[in-house]
Amino acid sequence: MARARANPRHNHRWQKNRHPHNLPPVHPHSQLAVIGGGPAGLRAAEVAATAGRQVTLYDGKPSVGRKFLVAGKGGLNLTHAESLDRFATRYSGPGQPAEFWANLIAGFDPADLRAWAAGLGVETFQATSGRVYPRALKAAPLLRRWIERLRGLGVGFEMNHRLISFDSSRRLGFSNGQAATADAVILALGGGSWAKTGSDGGWTSIFENLGIAHHPLAPANCGWEHEWPPEVLAAAEGKPLKNIQVRAGEMTAIGELMVTRYGLEGGAIYQLGSALRAMPKPAIAIDFKPTFTHARLVAKMESVRRDFLNEARIRWKLSEPAHAILARKTWGDADSLAREVKNCVLPLTRPRPLDEAISSAGGVCWSEIDDTLMLKKLPGIFLAGEMIDWEAPTGGYLMQGCFATGTRAAKSAVAWLG
């Protein structure tokens, strides 16, 4: 009879006293825990689950892929079609091992990424620039199908789990008071740009406490500030400088710039970020007419004796923003104006804030990880994506880098578990 009275179906007081909130916390255990639901983390979870591992993916936000969706607003540039030899040179970072990216990209290259998208029913196309996009130019359909695939592979999703600690025993602590353990862990916590998506660099304090070296996160692929005279902004703000060549120190970029109220944006200056950050007094030199020599420009002005800038606007086919920038000075001869057109130096004050940047430089030092992307000091914990100290220009290289590191980290973790 006593046993019957203790039956929880008949003893509401027992149910109250044994409410789950009064039980000791249970720490879920996985073979592999992936922390971070960006492209690197999602790809790592996919590779490991495909290999038959039990995977749980944790993310601090209510849903995964938030930065992926923001990137998709610009068409979702997945990768680039240039040769692999050239592709691998797009990645840089202090202390980066020689040939690392060539080997990494070979393990999951642009053709693999396009085939992966096709496997999700997403057709891609190559633009004339070489950039590769989904045919629909949207991220949401791809992300939705990707998540469906992951759920089909048995990947568990734990949202609103922001990582605040981990240790050598691979015990994970989260800001919601929960904890978990895993046989192996892949950290794909992102860089420091677009904090509202969860990529806020908060993980750096955890690494400091563990004595794992990292370089401070800095804005990359971002605009730079320059104080324009009001008359330049009146004529040029929001207008592109096309078909130009831009130099910073020994580095040169070809592309476009956009004049903004605070300075300059655009692919050309994004490519020069690492060179500009290294300069004590950052500045760029613009060649407005890279297909013409100085001598050829002067020859086109042979008969001009006055009003040189307006004549050059017609004879050299200067764009409106280029004309506005050159009009900051008075020109008394064709020779000096041609020299300025070929080498217009603009001092810059600072990059735009990190949260505005498309991506970030800095992150965990290469000396802290081995070629499997495992932390040397904490075996069984691997890194992927932008939290490692690498950077690349826009053009598909960032996304390819996240997919490739996610693939490498997952294959390494699976091998380590095996």
Protein backbone atom coordinates (compact mmCIF):
# COMPACT_ATOMS: atom_id res chain seq x y z
CA MET A 1 0.00 0.00 0.00
CA ALA A 2 2.80 2.37 0.86
CA ARG A 3 4.28 1.72 -2.58
CA ALA A 4 0.96 2.62 -4.19
CA ARG A 5 0.72 5.89 -2.25
CA ALA A 6 4.22 6.81 -3.48
CA ASN A 7 3.12 6.49 -7.12
CA PRO A 8 3.67 9.96 -8.59
CA ARG A 9 0.47 9.70 -10.60
CA HIS A 10 -1.50 9.76 -7.33
CA ASN A 11 0.69 11.97 -5.16
CA HIS A 12 0.55 15.61 -6.21
CA ARG A 13 2.72 16.62 -3.26
CA TRP A 14 5.44 14.27 -4.54
CA GLN A 15 5.13 15.86 -7.97
CA LYS A 16 5.55 19.34 -6.50
CA ASN A 17 8.57 18.37 -4.45
CA ARG A 18 10.17 16.59 -7.39
CA HIS A 19 9.51 19.37 -9.93
CA PRO A 20 12.33 19.48 -12.54
CA HIS A 21 13.43 22.88 -11.26
CA ASN A 22 14.30 21.25 -7.93
CA LEU A 23 16.35 18.46 -9.50
CA PRO A 24 20.14 18.65 -9.75
CA PRO A 25 21.04 20.07 -13.20
CA VAL A 26 21.62 17.50 -15.90
CA HIS A 27 24.54 18.17 -18.22
CA PRO A 28 23.72 16.90 -21.71
CA HIS A 29 26.58 15.03 -23.33
CA SER A 30 27.36 14.80 -27.05
CA GLN A 31 30.06 13.12 -29.04
CA LEU A 32 30.64 16.48 -30.71
CA ALA A 33 29.47 19.93 -29.68
CA VAL A 34 29.60 22.74 -32.23
CA ILE A 35 29.38 26.23 -30.79
CA GLY A 36 28.22 28.83 -33.30
CA GLY A 37 25.53 28.68 -35.97
CA GLY A 38 27.23 30.61 -38.76
CA PRO A 39 28.38 28.99 -42.01
CA ALA A 40 31.56 27.57 -40.42
CA GLY A 41 29.64 25.97 -37.55
CA LEU A 42 26.80 24.69 -39.69
CA ARG A 43 29.24 23.18 -42.16
CA ALA A 44 31.22 21.54 -39.35
CA ALA A 45 28.03 20.04 -37.90
CA GLU A 46 27.05 18.73 -41.34
CA VAL A 47 30.41 17.07 -42.03
CA ALA A 48 30.58 15.42 -38.61
CA ALA A 49 26.96 14.24 -38.66
CA THR A 50 27.43 12.83 -42.17
CA ALA A 51 30.35 10.83 -40.74
CA GLY A 52 27.94 9.31 -38.22
CA ARG A 53 28.78 11.38 -35.16
CA GLN A 54 26.20 12.57 -32.64
CA VAL A 55 26.29 16.35 -32.96
CA THR A 56 24.70 19.11 -30.92
CA LEU A 57 24.95 22.67 -32.21
CA TYR A 58 24.68 25.56 -29.73
CA ASP A 59 24.12 29.22 -30.58
CA GLY A 60 23.59 32.30 -28.47
CA LYS A 61 20.76 33.63 -30.62
CA PRO A 62 17.19 32.29 -31.05
CA SER A 63 18.04 30.99 -34.54
CA VAL A 64 21.10 30.08 -36.59
CA GLY A 65 22.53 31.67 -39.72
CA ARG A 66 21.80 35.28 -38.85
CA LYS A 67 24.99 36.72 -40.33
CA PHE A 68 24.54 34.40 -43.30
CA LEU A 69 21.15 36.01 -43.92
CA VAL A 70 22.60 39.52 -43.61
CA ALA A 71 25.28 38.62 -46.17
CA GLY A 72 22.48 37.38 -48.41
CA LYS A 73 21.01 40.86 -48.66
CA GLY A 74 23.81 41.65 -51.09
CA GLY A 75 23.13 38.56 -53.18
CA LEU A 76 25.07 35.97 -51.12
CA ASN A 77 28.45 35.83 -52.81
CA LEU A 78 29.33 32.19 -52.07
CA THR A 79 32.72 31.86 -53.72
CA HIS A 80 34.85 32.93 -56.69
CA ALA A 81 35.79 31.18 -59.91
CA GLU A 82 39.42 32.24 -60.20
CA SER A 83 42.23 29.67 -60.27
CA LEU A 84 43.01 27.90 -57.01
CA ASP A 85 46.61 29.15 -57.07
CA ARG A 86 45.38 32.74 -57.12
CA PHE A 87 42.50 31.98 -54.77
CA ALA A 88 44.80 30.78 -51.98
CA THR A 89 46.80 34.04 -52.04
CA ARG A 90 43.73 36.04 -51.01
CA TYR A 91 44.08 35.00 -47.37
CA SER A 92 46.45 36.73 -44.99
CA GLY A 93 47.24 36.86 -41.29
CA PRO A 94 50.32 37.27 -39.08
CA GLY A 95 52.10 33.98 -38.50
CA GLN A 96 49.91 32.16 -40.99
CA PRO A 97 51.61 28.87 -42.00
CA ALA A 98 52.94 28.75 -45.54
CA GLU A 99 50.76 26.78 -47.94
CA PHE A 100 48.02 26.42 -45.31
CA TRP A 101 45.29 27.94 -47.44
CA ALA A 102 46.36 26.16 -50.60
CA ASN A 103 45.99 22.84 -48.76
CA LEU A 104 42.82 23.88 -46.99
CA ILE A 105 41.02 25.12 -50.12
CA ALA A 106 42.09 21.98 -51.98
CA GLY A 107 40.14 20.03 -49.35
CA PHE A 108 36.93 21.94 -50.06
CA ASP A 109 37.28 24.14 -53.12
CA PRO A 110 34.87 26.45 -54.99
CA ALA A 111 33.66 23.59 -57.20
CA ASP A 112 32.87 21.59 -54.04
CA LEU A 113 30.93 24.53 -52.63
CA ARG A 114 28.86 24.87 -55.80
CA ALA A 115 28.20 21.13 -55.81
CA TRP A 116 27.16 21.33 -52.16
CA ALA A 117 24.64 24.08 -53.00
CA ALA A 118 23.35 22.04 -55.92
CA GLY A 119 22.83 19.13 -53.53
CA LEU A 120 20.45 21.37 -51.61
CA GLY A 121 18.59 22.18 -54.82
CA VAL A 122 20.15 25.64 -55.11
CA GLU A 123 21.51 26.49 -58.56
CA THR A 124 24.48 28.87 -58.72
CA PHE A 125 25.88 31.04 -61.48
CA GLN A 126 29.16 32.80 -62.19
CA ALA A 127 28.97 36.54 -62.79
CA THR A 128 31.27 38.31 -65.26
CA SER A 129 33.39 39.36 -62.27
CA GLY A 130 34.05 35.72 -61.44
CA ARG A 131 31.92 35.89 -58.32
CA VAL A 132 29.53 32.99 -57.74
CA TYR A 133 25.97 33.50 -56.45
CA PRO A 134 22.80 31.46 -55.96
CA ARG A 135 20.58 31.88 -59.01
CA ALA A 136 17.84 33.36 -56.80
CA LEU A 137 20.32 35.79 -55.18
CA LYS A 138 18.84 34.97 -51.78
CA ALA A 139 20.20 33.29 -48.65
CA ALA A 140 16.95 32.25 -46.95
CA PRO A 141 16.00 29.34 -49.26
CA LEU A 142 19.49 27.86 -49.02
CA LEU A 143 19.62 28.23 -45.23
CA ARG A 144 16.18 26.69 -44.81
CA ARG A 145 17.12 23.61 -46.84
CA TRP A 146 20.46 23.37 -45.06
CA ILE A 147 18.81 23.26 -41.64
CA GLU A 148 16.37 20.62 -42.90
CA ARG A 149 19.32 18.51 -44.02
CA LEU A 150 21.05 18.91 -40.64
CA ARG A 151 17.92 17.88 -38.75
CA GLY A 152 17.61 14.89 -41.05
CA LEU A 153 21.17 13.93 -40.14
CA GLY A 154 20.21 14.00 -36.46
CA VAL A 155 21.93 17.27 -35.49
CA GLY A 156 20.44 18.68 -32.31
CA PHE A 157 19.94 22.44 -32.04
CA GLU A 158 20.18 24.30 -28.73
CA MET A 159 19.37 27.98 -29.19
CA ASN A 160 19.80 30.85 -26.72
CA HIS A 161 22.96 29.16 -25.43
CA ARG A 162 25.70 31.79 -25.34
CA LEU A 163 29.05 30.27 -24.43
CA ILE A 164 30.70 31.86 -21.39
CA SER A 165 33.24 29.19 -20.42
CA PHE A 166 34.91 25.96 -21.42
CA ASP A 167 37.83 23.96 -20.06
CA SER A 168 40.22 21.12 -20.82
CA SER A 169 37.60 18.52 -19.86
CA ARG A 170 35.35 20.00 -22.57
CA ARG A 171 32.75 21.15 -20.10
CA LEU A 172 30.78 24.04 -21.58
CA GLY A 173 29.07 26.77 -19.60
CA PHE A 174 26.34 28.99 -21.03
CA SER A 175 24.90 32.34 -20.01
CA ASN A 176 21.46 30.82 -19.40
CA GLY A 177 22.89 28.79 -16.52
CA GLN A 178 23.01 25.54 -18.49
CA ALA A 179 26.08 23.37 -18.90
CA ALA A 180 27.02 20.55 -21.24
CA THR A 181 29.91 18.23 -21.99
CA ALA A 182 31.24 16.66 -25.16
CA ASP A 183 33.93 14.27 -26.31
CA ALA A 184 35.12 16.91 -28.79
CA VAL A 185 34.22 20.55 -29.40
CA ILE A 186 34.35 22.79 -32.46
CA LEU A 187 34.27 26.51 -31.70
CA ALA A 188 32.97 28.63 -34.59
CA LEU A 189 32.20 31.83 -32.71
CA GLY A 190 32.86 34.32 -35.49
CA GLY A 191 34.73 37.60 -35.51
CA GLY A 192 33.59 40.96 -34.22
CA SER A 193 31.52 42.56 -36.98
CA TRP A 194 27.72 42.80 -37.16
CA ALA A 195 27.33 42.18 -33.43
CA LYS A 196 23.54 42.07 -33.65
CA THR A 197 23.86 38.73 -35.47
CA GLY A 198 25.82 37.24 -32.56
CA SER A 199 29.27 37.80 -34.04
CA ASP A 200 30.40 40.18 -31.30
CA GLY A 201 33.83 38.88 -30.30
CA GLY A 202 32.70 38.14 -26.75
CA TRP A 203 34.71 34.92 -26.79
CA THR A 204 38.01 36.82 -26.53
CA SER A 205 37.72 37.20 -22.74
CA ILE A 206 37.26 33.43 -22.37
CA PHE A 207 40.47 32.81 -24.31
CA GLU A 208 42.35 35.39 -22.25
CA ASN A 209 41.35 33.56 -19.08
CA LEU A 210 42.65 30.30 -20.57
CA GLY A 211 45.96 31.86 -21.62
CA ILE A 212 45.32 31.33 -25.34
CA ALA A 213 46.89 34.14 -27.36
CA HIS A 214 44.87 36.16 -29.83
CA HIS A 215 45.30 39.41 -31.70
CA PRO A 216 42.67 42.12 -31.04
CA LEU A 217 39.76 42.09 -33.46
CA ALA A 218 39.92 44.95 -35.95
CA PRO A 219 37.63 46.10 -38.76
CA ALA A 220 38.38 44.56 -42.17
CA ASN A 221 36.53 45.03 -45.44
CA CYS A 222 35.32 48.38 -44.22
CA GLY A 223 35.19 52.03 -45.16
CA TRP A 224 37.84 54.53 -44.16
CA GLU A 225 37.35 58.08 -43.00
CA HIS A 226 38.50 61.19 -44.89
CA GLU A 227 37.28 64.72 -44.28
CA TRP A 228 35.83 66.00 -47.55
CA PRO A 229 35.26 69.68 -48.28
CA PRO A 230 31.52 70.47 -48.49
CA GLU A 231 31.75 71.20 -52.21
CA VAL A 232 33.14 67.72 -52.90
CA LEU A 233 30.30 66.06 -50.99
CA ALA A 234 27.74 68.23 -52.77
CA ALA A 235 28.94 66.96 -56.14
CA ALA A 236 30.17 63.45 -55.37
CA GLU A 237 28.50 61.89 -52.31
CA GLY A 238 27.00 58.51 -53.10
CA LYS A 239 28.59 58.35 -56.54
CA PRO A 240 31.08 55.65 -57.59
CA LEU A 241 34.61 56.04 -58.85
CA LYS A 242 34.85 53.26 -61.43
CA ASN A 243 37.70 51.67 -63.35
CA ILE A 244 40.36 53.03 -61.02
CA GLN A 245 43.52 51.70 -59.44
CA VAL A 246 44.20 52.36 -55.78
CA ARG A 247 47.49 51.94 -53.92
CA ALA A 248 48.37 51.79 -50.23
CA GLY A 249 52.08 51.38 -49.59
CA GLU A 250 53.24 48.48 -51.76
CA MET A 251 49.76 47.03 -52.21
CA THR A 252 47.58 47.83 -55.23
CA ALA A 253 43.89 47.13 -55.82
CA ILE A 254 41.69 47.50 -58.88
CA GLY A 255 37.99 48.15 -58.43
CA GLU A 256 35.58 50.85 -57.35
CA LEU A 257 35.28 53.39 -54.57
CA MET A 258 32.21 55.20 -53.30
CA VAL A 259 32.41 58.72 -51.91
CA THR A 260 30.52 58.90 -48.62
CA ARG A 261 29.85 61.64 -46.09
CA TYR A 262 32.58 60.21 -43.84
CA GLY A 263 35.13 59.13 -46.46
CA LEU A 264 35.32 56.16 -48.80
CA GLU A 265 33.74 52.74 -49.17
CA GLY A 266 34.08 50.06 -51.81
CA GLY A 267 35.90 46.94 -52.92
CA ALA A 268 39.13 48.70 -53.81
CA ILE A 269 39.71 50.09 -50.32
CA TYR A 270 38.47 46.86 -48.69
CA GLN A 271 41.31 45.00 -50.38
CA LEU A 272 43.85 47.42 -48.89
CA GLY A 273 42.75 47.14 -45.27
CA SER A 274 45.77 45.22 -43.98
CA ALA A 275 48.20 47.62 -45.67
CA LEU A 276 46.38 50.68 -44.35
CA ARG A 277 46.30 49.35 -40.78
CA ALA A 278 50.07 48.86 -40.93
CA MET A 279 50.76 52.45 -42.02
CA PRO A 280 51.60 55.01 -39.30
CA LYS A 281 49.76 57.61 -41.38
CA PRO A 282 47.29 55.72 -43.58
CA ALA A 283 46.72 57.12 -47.05
CA ILE A 284 45.75 55.91 -50.50
CA ALA A 285 46.88 57.02 -53.95
CA ILE A 286 44.24 56.86 -56.68
CA ASP A 287 44.99 56.48 -60.37
CA PHE A 288 41.81 57.73 -62.03
CA LYS A 289 43.00 56.67 -65.50
CA PRO A 290 45.06 53.48 -65.13
CA THR A 291 44.83 52.63 -68.85
CA PHE A 292 46.55 55.89 -69.86
CA THR A 293 50.13 56.95 -69.20
CA HIS A 294 50.96 60.40 -67.93
CA ALA A 295 52.41 61.28 -71.32
CA ARG A 296 49.27 60.17 -73.15
CA LEU A 297 47.06 62.31 -70.92
CA VAL A 298 49.25 65.37 -71.53
CA ALA A 299 49.17 64.74 -75.26
CA LYS A 300 45.37 64.81 -75.21
CA MET A 301 45.58 68.34 -73.75
CA GLU A 302 48.15 69.61 -76.27
CA SER A 303 46.15 72.63 -77.48
CA VAL A 304 44.72 73.64 -74.09
CA ARG A 305 46.01 76.87 -72.57
CA ARG A 306 43.46 77.54 -69.79
CA ASP A 307 40.53 76.02 -67.93
CA PHE A 308 42.54 72.81 -67.70
CA LEU A 309 40.28 70.85 -65.36
CA ASN A 310 37.08 71.36 -67.34
CA GLU A 311 38.90 70.53 -70.56
CA ALA A 312 40.31 67.39 -68.92
CA ARG A 313 36.81 66.39 -67.86
CA ILE A 314 35.89 66.16 -71.53
CA ARG A 315 39.15 64.98 -73.09
CA TRP A 316 40.03 62.48 -70.38
CA LYS A 317 36.40 61.52 -69.71
CA LEU A 318 36.64 62.18 -65.98
CA SER A 319 33.66 61.06 -63.92
CA GLU A 320 31.72 63.56 -61.84
CA PRO A 321 33.18 62.42 -58.48
CA ALA A 322 36.72 62.36 -59.93
CA HIS A 323 36.25 65.89 -61.25
CA ALA A 324 34.94 67.03 -57.85
CA ILE A 325 37.95 65.56 -56.03
CA LEU A 326 40.41 67.13 -58.46
CA ALA A 327 38.64 70.48 -58.19
CA ARG A 328 39.90 70.88 -54.62
CA LYS A 329 42.97 72.52 -56.19
CA THR A 330 43.57 75.03 -58.96
CA TRP A 331 45.44 73.71 -62.00
CA GLY A 332 47.58 75.94 -64.19
CA ASP A 333 48.99 73.35 -66.59
CA ALA A 334 48.20 69.94 -68.06
CA ASP A 335 51.35 68.28 -66.75
CA SER A 336 50.64 68.79 -63.05
CA LEU A 337 46.96 67.89 -63.49
CA ALA A 338 47.92 64.67 -65.28
CA ARG A 339 50.30 63.79 -62.43
CA GLU A 340 47.45 64.28 -59.96
CA VAL A 341 45.09 62.15 -62.02
CA LYS A 342 47.67 59.35 -61.99
CA ASN A 343 48.55 59.76 -58.30
CA CYS A 344 45.88 61.52 -56.24
CA VAL A 345 46.91 61.03 -52.61
CA LEU A 346 44.16 61.11 -49.97
CA PRO A 347 45.13 60.90 -46.27
CA LEU A 348 42.83 58.76 -44.14
CA THR A 349 42.14 59.16 -40.45
CA ARG A 350 40.76 55.79 -39.30
CA PRO A 351 38.69 52.80 -40.39
CA ARG A 352 34.99 52.79 -39.71
CA PRO A 353 33.88 51.08 -36.45
CA LEU A 354 34.24 47.33 -36.17
CA ASP A 355 30.51 46.72 -35.95
CA GLU A 356 30.05 48.32 -39.39
CA ALA A 357 32.72 46.19 -41.04
CA ILE A 358 31.84 43.29 -43.31
CA SER A 359 34.42 41.15 -41.52
CA SER A 360 37.18 41.43 -38.94
CA ALA A 361 40.91 40.88 -38.79
CA GLY A 362 42.60 39.49 -35.70
CA GLY A 363 41.63 36.43 -33.71
CA VAL A 364 43.28 33.35 -32.23
CA CYS A 365 46.96 33.27 -33.18
CA TRP A 366 48.11 30.59 -35.59
CA SER A 367 50.76 29.54 -33.08
CA GLU A 368 47.95 28.29 -30.80
CA ILE A 369 46.53 25.74 -33.28
CA ASP A 370 47.96 22.86 -35.29
CA ASP A 371 47.26 22.03 -38.92
CA THR A 372 44.11 20.12 -37.90
CA LEU A 373 42.80 23.39 -36.37
CA MET A 374 42.97 21.91 -32.86
CA LEU A 375 44.09 24.04 -29.93
CA LYS A 376 47.53 22.80 -28.87
CA LYS A 377 46.85 23.53 -25.20
CA LEU A 378 43.39 21.93 -25.16
CA PRO A 379 43.27 18.66 -27.12
CA GLY A 380 39.86 17.83 -28.53
CA ILE A 381 38.87 21.47 -29.02
CA PHE A 382 38.98 22.72 -32.60
CA LEU A 383 38.44 26.15 -34.18
CA ALA A 384 36.74 27.16 -37.43
CA GLY A 385 35.78 30.31 -39.25
CA GLU A 386 36.54 33.94 -38.61
CA MET A 387 37.68 33.59 -35.01
CA ILE A 388 41.08 32.41 -36.31
CA ASP A 389 43.45 35.24 -37.25
CA TRP A 390 42.88 35.44 -41.00
CA GLU A 391 41.27 37.91 -43.32
CA ALA A 392 40.31 38.01 -46.97
CA PRO A 393 38.69 40.53 -49.31
CA THR A 394 35.06 40.38 -50.35
CA GLY A 395 34.33 38.45 -53.51
CA GLY A 396 33.41 35.02 -52.13
CA TYR A 397 36.67 34.44 -50.29
CA LEU A 398 35.21 35.01 -46.83
CA MET A 399 32.40 32.50 -47.30
CA GLN A 400 34.73 29.95 -48.90
CA GLY A 401 37.13 30.36 -45.98
CA CYS A 402 34.37 29.66 -43.46
CA PHE A 403 33.17 26.56 -45.32
CA ALA A 404 36.71 25.25 -45.79
CA THR A 405 37.77 25.72 -42.16
CA GLY A 406 34.48 24.22 -40.97
CA THR A 407 35.13 21.19 -43.18
CA ARG A 408 38.72 20.80 -41.94
CA ALA A 409 37.80 21.19 -38.27
CA ALA A 410 34.99 18.64 -38.53
CA LYS A 411 37.08 16.04 -40.36
CA SER A 412 39.83 16.56 -37.79
CA ALA A 413 37.41 16.18 -34.89
CA VAL A 414 35.92 13.03 -36.36
CA ALA A 415 39.41 11.55 -36.81
CA TRP A 416 40.39 12.57 -33.28
CA LEU A 417 37.25 10.91 -31.86
CA GLY A 418 37.87 7.79 -33.93
